[in-house]
């Protein structure tokens, strides 16, 4: 994002807190505009808390139902307002719940890395995901459905190899 300097303009990569805040606002807007959207989660480097300059934003969207082919599902989701490039995974609830059966490695990665930004994800017992998360400076109050900025910086542990 451009910022002025004495010698002209300098490009500054947004912080993780800025990116996650924008993603949470985007997710809430999408939930308000799409009745079939159950949940929006972040995974990948922003989900793990190790995003840096050049990192894209990986989002997963869970829909009540969806019969469109994978390449058609992306058309209705405008991510242009997000501050970094974004990759989307869009699954129906049935596909999401059956993911460990047809793509166990992806299911494992999503179980470890996904933090929900908006909506109510499927019950944790069905897919093995935790519902609460520290989103790198953003706290989610699941009972009240609100997202607030936290004052402390990102403090995440890297996974052991």
C-alpha atoms as a PDB file:
ATOM      1  CA  UNK A   1       0.000   0.000   0.000  1.00  0.00           C
ATOM      2  CA  UNK A   2       1.492   3.389  -0.970  1.00  0.00           C
ATOM      3  CA  UNK A   3       2.714   5.755   1.722  1.00  0.00           C
ATOM      4  CA  UNK A   4       4.293   9.149   1.117  1.00  0.00           C
ATOM      5  CA  UNK A   5       7.919   9.819   1.970  1.00  0.00           C
ATOM      6  CA  UNK A   6      10.256  12.814   1.423  1.00  0.00           C
ATOM      7  CA  UNK A   7      11.565  11.247  -1.798  1.00  0.00           C
ATOM      8  CA  UNK A   8       8.246  10.047  -3.215  1.00  0.00           C
ATOM      9  CA  UNK A   9       6.191   6.961  -2.521  1.00  0.00           C
ATOM     10  CA  UNK A  10       7.175   3.822  -0.680  1.00  0.00           C
ATOM     11  CA  UNK A  11       5.261   0.575  -0.768  1.00  0.00           C
ATOM     12  CA  UNK A  12       4.508  -0.811   2.693  1.00  0.00           C
ATOM     13  CA  UNK A  13       3.234  -4.334   3.254  1.00  0.00           C
ATOM     14  CA  UNK A  14       0.273  -4.362   5.686  1.00  0.00           C
ATOM     15  CA  UNK A  15       0.816  -5.921   9.105  1.00  0.00           C
ATOM     16  CA  UNK A  16      -0.792  -9.230  10.029  1.00  0.00           C
ATOM     17  CA  UNK A  17      -3.166  -7.400  12.377  1.00  0.00           C
ATOM     18  CA  UNK A  18      -4.282  -5.136   9.505  1.00  0.00           C
ATOM     19  CA  UNK A  19      -4.766  -8.069   7.139  1.00  0.00           C
ATOM     20  CA  UNK A  20      -6.669 -10.169   9.694  1.00  0.00           C
ATOM     21  CA  UNK A  21      -8.820  -7.191  10.683  1.00  0.00           C
ATOM     22  CA  UNK A  22      -9.734  -6.554   7.046  1.00  0.00           C
ATOM     23  CA  UNK A  23     -10.399 -10.275   6.554  1.00  0.00           C
ATOM     24  CA  UNK A  24     -12.685 -10.398   9.607  1.00  0.00           C
ATOM     25  CA  UNK A  25     -14.656  -7.367   8.362  1.00  0.00           C
ATOM     26  CA  UNK A  26     -14.882  -8.890   4.867  1.00  0.00           C
ATOM     27  CA  UNK A  27     -16.075 -12.200   6.345  1.00  0.00           C
ATOM     28  CA  UNK A  28     -18.807 -10.507   8.396  1.00  0.00           C
ATOM     29  CA  UNK A  29     -19.994  -8.560   5.316  1.00  0.00           C
ATOM     30  CA  UNK A  30     -20.163 -11.766   3.289  1.00  0.00           C
ATOM     31  CA  UNK A  31     -22.159 -13.493   6.025  1.00  0.00           C
ATOM     32  CA  UNK A  32     -24.609 -10.587   5.966  1.00  0.00           C
ATOM     33  CA  UNK A  33     -24.962 -10.737   2.179  1.00  0.00           C
ATOM     34  CA  UNK A  34     -25.091 -14.516   1.645  1.00  0.00           C
ATOM     35  CA  UNK A  35     -27.611 -16.539   3.661  1.00  0.00           C
ATOM     36  CA  UNK A  36     -26.011 -19.822   2.590  1.00  0.00           C
ATOM     37  CA  UNK A  37     -22.573 -18.915   4.010  1.00  0.00           C
ATOM     38  CA  UNK A  38     -22.067 -20.789   7.289  1.00  0.00           C
ATOM     39  CA  UNK A  39     -18.481 -19.867   8.132  1.00  0.00           C
ATOM     40  CA  UNK A  40     -15.339 -18.115   6.921  1.00  0.00           C
ATOM     41  CA  UNK A  41     -11.943 -19.183   8.220  1.00  0.00           C
ATOM     42  CA  UNK A  42      -8.338 -18.189   7.642  1.00  0.00           C
ATOM     43  CA  UNK A  43      -5.574 -20.777   7.238  1.00  0.00           C
ATOM     44  CA  UNK A  44      -2.060 -20.912   5.816  1.00  0.00           C
ATOM     45  CA  UNK A  45       0.569 -18.414   6.956  1.00  0.00           C
ATOM     46  CA  UNK A  46      -1.987 -15.981   8.415  1.00  0.00           C
ATOM     47  CA  UNK A  47      -3.746 -18.866  10.182  1.00  0.00           C
ATOM     48  CA  UNK A  48      -0.459 -20.112  11.649  1.00  0.00           C
ATOM     49  CA  UNK A  49       0.707 -16.610  12.573  1.00  0.00           C
ATOM     50  CA  UNK A  50       3.894 -16.670  10.489  1.00  0.00           C
ATOM     51  CA  UNK A  51       2.852 -14.429   7.563  1.00  0.00           C
ATOM     52  CA  UNK A  52       5.407 -11.988   6.208  1.00  0.00           C
ATOM     53  CA  UNK A  53       6.027  -9.687   3.272  1.00  0.00           C
ATOM     54  CA  UNK A  54       4.563 -11.273   0.159  1.00  0.00           C
ATOM     55  CA  UNK A  55       2.239 -13.682   1.992  1.00  0.00           C
ATOM     56  CA  UNK A  56      -1.171 -14.166   0.448  1.00  0.00           C
ATOM     57  CA  UNK A  57      -4.345 -14.645   2.464  1.00  0.00           C
ATOM     58  CA  UNK A  58      -5.896 -18.123   2.406  1.00  0.00           C
ATOM     59  CA  UNK A  59      -9.600 -18.228   3.249  1.00  0.00           C
ATOM     60  CA  UNK A  60     -12.001 -21.146   3.488  1.00  0.00           C
ATOM     61  CA  UNK A  61     -15.734 -20.655   3.049  1.00  0.00           C
ATOM     62  CA  UNK A  62     -18.283 -23.258   4.155  1.00  0.00           C
ATOM     63  CA  UNK A  63     -21.681 -23.094   2.413  1.00  0.00           C
ATOM     64  CA  UNK A  64     -24.888 -24.864   3.442  1.00  0.00           C
ATOM     65  CA  UNK A  65     -25.058 -26.479   0.006  1.00  0.00           C
ATOM     66  CA  UNK A  66     -23.282 -25.978  -3.292  1.00  0.00           C
ATOM     67  CA  UNK A  67     -23.616 -27.856  -6.555  1.00  0.00           C
ATOM     68  CA  UNK A  68     -21.435 -25.574  -8.703  1.00  0.00           C
ATOM     69  CA  UNK A  69     -18.132 -26.961 -10.002  1.00  0.00           C
ATOM     70  CA  UNK A  70     -15.073 -25.809  -8.024  1.00  0.00           C
ATOM     71  CA  UNK A  71     -14.013 -23.232 -10.624  1.00  0.00           C
ATOM     72  CA  UNK A  72     -17.496 -21.637 -10.695  1.00  0.00           C
ATOM     73  CA  UNK A  73     -17.770 -21.271  -6.917  1.00  0.00           C
ATOM     74  CA  UNK A  74     -15.235 -18.453  -6.774  1.00  0.00           C
ATOM     75  CA  UNK A  75     -17.117 -16.044  -9.058  1.00  0.00           C
ATOM     76  CA  UNK A  76     -19.492 -14.661  -6.438  1.00  0.00           C
ATOM     77  CA  UNK A  77     -16.807 -13.776  -3.865  1.00  0.00           C
ATOM     78  CA  UNK A  78     -15.208 -10.377  -4.531  1.00  0.00           C
ATOM     79  CA  UNK A  79     -11.970 -10.196  -2.528  1.00  0.00           C
ATOM     80  CA  UNK A  80     -10.833  -6.920  -4.115  1.00  0.00           C
ATOM     81  CA  UNK A  81     -11.266  -4.980  -0.853  1.00  0.00           C
ATOM     82  CA  UNK A  82      -8.735  -7.162   0.984  1.00  0.00           C
ATOM     83  CA  UNK A  83      -5.253  -5.609   1.383  1.00  0.00           C
ATOM     84  CA  UNK A  84      -3.342  -8.623  -0.017  1.00  0.00           C
ATOM     85  CA  UNK A  85      -3.930 -11.259  -2.684  1.00  0.00           C
ATOM     86  CA  UNK A  86      -6.370 -13.932  -1.575  1.00  0.00           C
ATOM     87  CA  UNK A  87      -6.899 -17.618  -2.349  1.00  0.00           C
ATOM     88  CA  UNK A  88     -10.290 -19.144  -1.579  1.00  0.00           C
ATOM     89  CA  UNK A  89     -11.435 -22.678  -0.868  1.00  0.00           C
ATOM     90  CA  UNK A  90     -15.224 -22.980  -1.093  1.00  0.00           C
ATOM     91  CA  UNK A  91     -16.878 -26.155   0.225  1.00  0.00           C
ATOM     92  CA  UNK A  92     -20.423 -27.261   0.895  1.00  0.00           C
ATOM     93  CA  UNK A  93     -21.100 -28.475   4.420  1.00  0.00           C
ATOM     94  CA  UNK A  94     -21.290 -32.074   3.164  1.00  0.00           C
ATOM     95  CA  UNK A  95     -17.919 -31.748   1.400  1.00  0.00           C
ATOM     96  CA  UNK A  96     -16.387 -30.124   4.478  1.00  0.00           C
ATOM     97  CA  UNK A  97     -17.564 -32.874   6.816  1.00  0.00           C
ATOM     98  CA  UNK A  98     -16.342 -35.587   4.438  1.00  0.00           C
ATOM     99  CA  UNK A  99     -12.968 -33.935   3.704  1.00  0.00           C
ATOM    100  CA  UNK A 100     -10.902 -36.317   5.903  1.00  0.00           C
ATOM    101  CA  UNK A 101     -12.193 -39.236   3.828  1.00  0.00           C
ATOM    102  CA  UNK A 102     -11.148 -37.906   0.415  1.00  0.00           C
ATOM    103  CA  UNK A 103      -8.248 -35.562   1.259  1.00  0.00           C
ATOM    104  CA  UNK A 104      -6.838 -36.504   4.680  1.00  0.00           C
ATOM    105  CA  UNK A 105      -3.679 -34.384   4.332  1.00  0.00           C
ATOM    106  CA  UNK A 106      -5.633 -31.204   3.565  1.00  0.00           C
ATOM    107  CA  UNK A 107      -8.046 -31.996   6.408  1.00  0.00           C
ATOM    108  CA  UNK A 108      -5.078 -32.324   8.778  1.00  0.00           C
ATOM    109  CA  UNK A 109      -3.547 -29.015   7.661  1.00  0.00           C
ATOM    110  CA  UNK A 110      -6.869 -27.209   7.957  1.00  0.00           C
ATOM    111  CA  UNK A 111      -7.448 -28.706  11.399  1.00  0.00           C
ATOM    112  CA  UNK A 112      -4.106 -27.322  12.566  1.00  0.00           C
ATOM    113  CA  UNK A 113      -4.173 -23.932  10.837  1.00  0.00           C
ATOM    114  CA  UNK A 114      -7.786 -22.767  10.476  1.00  0.00           C
ATOM    115  CA  UNK A 115      -9.142 -19.987  12.666  1.00  0.00           C
ATOM    116  CA  UNK A 116     -12.748 -18.947  12.104  1.00  0.00           C
ATOM    117  CA  UNK A 117     -13.380 -15.282  11.351  1.00  0.00           C
ATOM    118  CA  UNK A 118     -17.162 -15.267  10.949  1.00  0.00           C
ATOM    119  CA  UNK A 119     -20.120 -17.541  11.224  1.00  0.00           C
ATOM    120  CA  UNK A 120     -20.627 -20.793  13.004  1.00  0.00           C
ATOM    121  CA  UNK A 121     -18.422 -23.581  11.721  1.00  0.00           C
ATOM    122  CA  UNK A 122     -19.675 -27.156  11.792  1.00  0.00           C
ATOM    123  CA  UNK A 123     -19.584 -28.773  15.236  1.00  0.00           C
ATOM    124  CA  UNK A 124     -16.016 -29.513  16.290  1.00  0.00           C
ATOM    125  CA  UNK A 125     -16.885 -33.154  16.994  1.00  0.00           C
ATOM    126  CA  UNK A 126     -17.780 -33.720  13.335  1.00  0.00           C
ATOM    127  CA  UNK A 127     -14.589 -32.331  11.814  1.00  0.00           C
ATOM    128  CA  UNK A 128     -12.138 -32.046  14.697  1.00  0.00           C
ATOM    129  CA  UNK A 129     -11.647 -28.263  14.600  1.00  0.00           C
ATOM    130  CA  UNK A 130     -11.363 -25.934  17.549  1.00  0.00           C
ATOM    131  CA  UNK A 131     -13.883 -23.095  17.670  1.00  0.00           C
ATOM    132  CA  UNK A 132     -11.955 -20.378  19.527  1.00  0.00           C
ATOM    133  CA  UNK A 133      -8.787 -18.737  18.331  1.00  0.00           C
ATOM    134  CA  UNK A 134      -6.335 -15.940  18.940  1.00  0.00           C
ATOM    135  CA  UNK A 135      -6.175 -14.369  15.498  1.00  0.00           C
ATOM    136  CA  UNK A 136      -2.800 -12.676  15.846  1.00  0.00           C
ATOM    137  CA  UNK A 137      -4.008  -9.601  17.714  1.00  0.00           C
ATOM    138  CA  UNK A 138      -7.709 -10.139  17.104  1.00  0.00           C
ATOM    139  CA  UNK A 139      -9.822 -11.885  19.706  1.00  0.00           C
ATOM    140  CA  UNK A 140     -13.035 -13.672  18.858  1.00  0.00           C
ATOM    141  CA  UNK A 141     -15.822 -13.841  21.439  1.00  0.00           C
ATOM    142  CA  UNK A 142     -17.728 -16.870  20.159  1.00  0.00           C
ATOM    143  CA  UNK A 143     -20.668 -16.562  22.529  1.00  0.00           C
ATOM    144  CA  UNK A 144     -21.471 -12.993  21.473  1.00  0.00           C
ATOM    145  CA  UNK A 145     -20.297 -13.243  17.860  1.00  0.00           C
ATOM    146  CA  UNK A 146     -18.061 -10.172  17.954  1.00  0.00           C
ATOM    147  CA  UNK A 147     -14.493  -9.567  16.854  1.00  0.00           C
ATOM    148  CA  UNK A 148     -12.335  -7.011  18.659  1.00  0.00           C
ATOM    149  CA  UNK A 149      -8.754  -5.887  18.241  1.00  0.00           C
ATOM    150  CA  UNK A 150      -6.448  -6.986  21.040  1.00  0.00           C
ATOM    151  CA  UNK A 151      -3.624  -4.753  22.220  1.00  0.00           C
ATOM    152  CA  UNK A 152      -0.834  -7.306  22.322  1.00  0.00           C
ATOM    153  CA  UNK A 153       1.195  -8.249  19.222  1.00  0.00           C
ATOM    154  CA  UNK A 154       1.125 -11.621  17.516  1.00  0.00           C
ATOM    155  CA  UNK A 155       2.578 -14.291  19.782  1.00  0.00           C
ATOM    156  CA  UNK A 156       2.286 -17.678  18.120  1.00  0.00           C
ATOM    157  CA  UNK A 157       4.333 -20.829  18.481  1.00  0.00           C
ATOM    158  CA  UNK A 158       5.650 -22.511  15.362  1.00  0.00           C
ATOM    159  CA  UNK A 159       4.784 -26.158  14.929  1.00  0.00           C
ATOM    160  CA  UNK A 160       7.496 -28.658  15.696  1.00  0.00           C
ATOM    161  CA  UNK A 161       8.782 -30.628  12.708  1.00  0.00           C
END
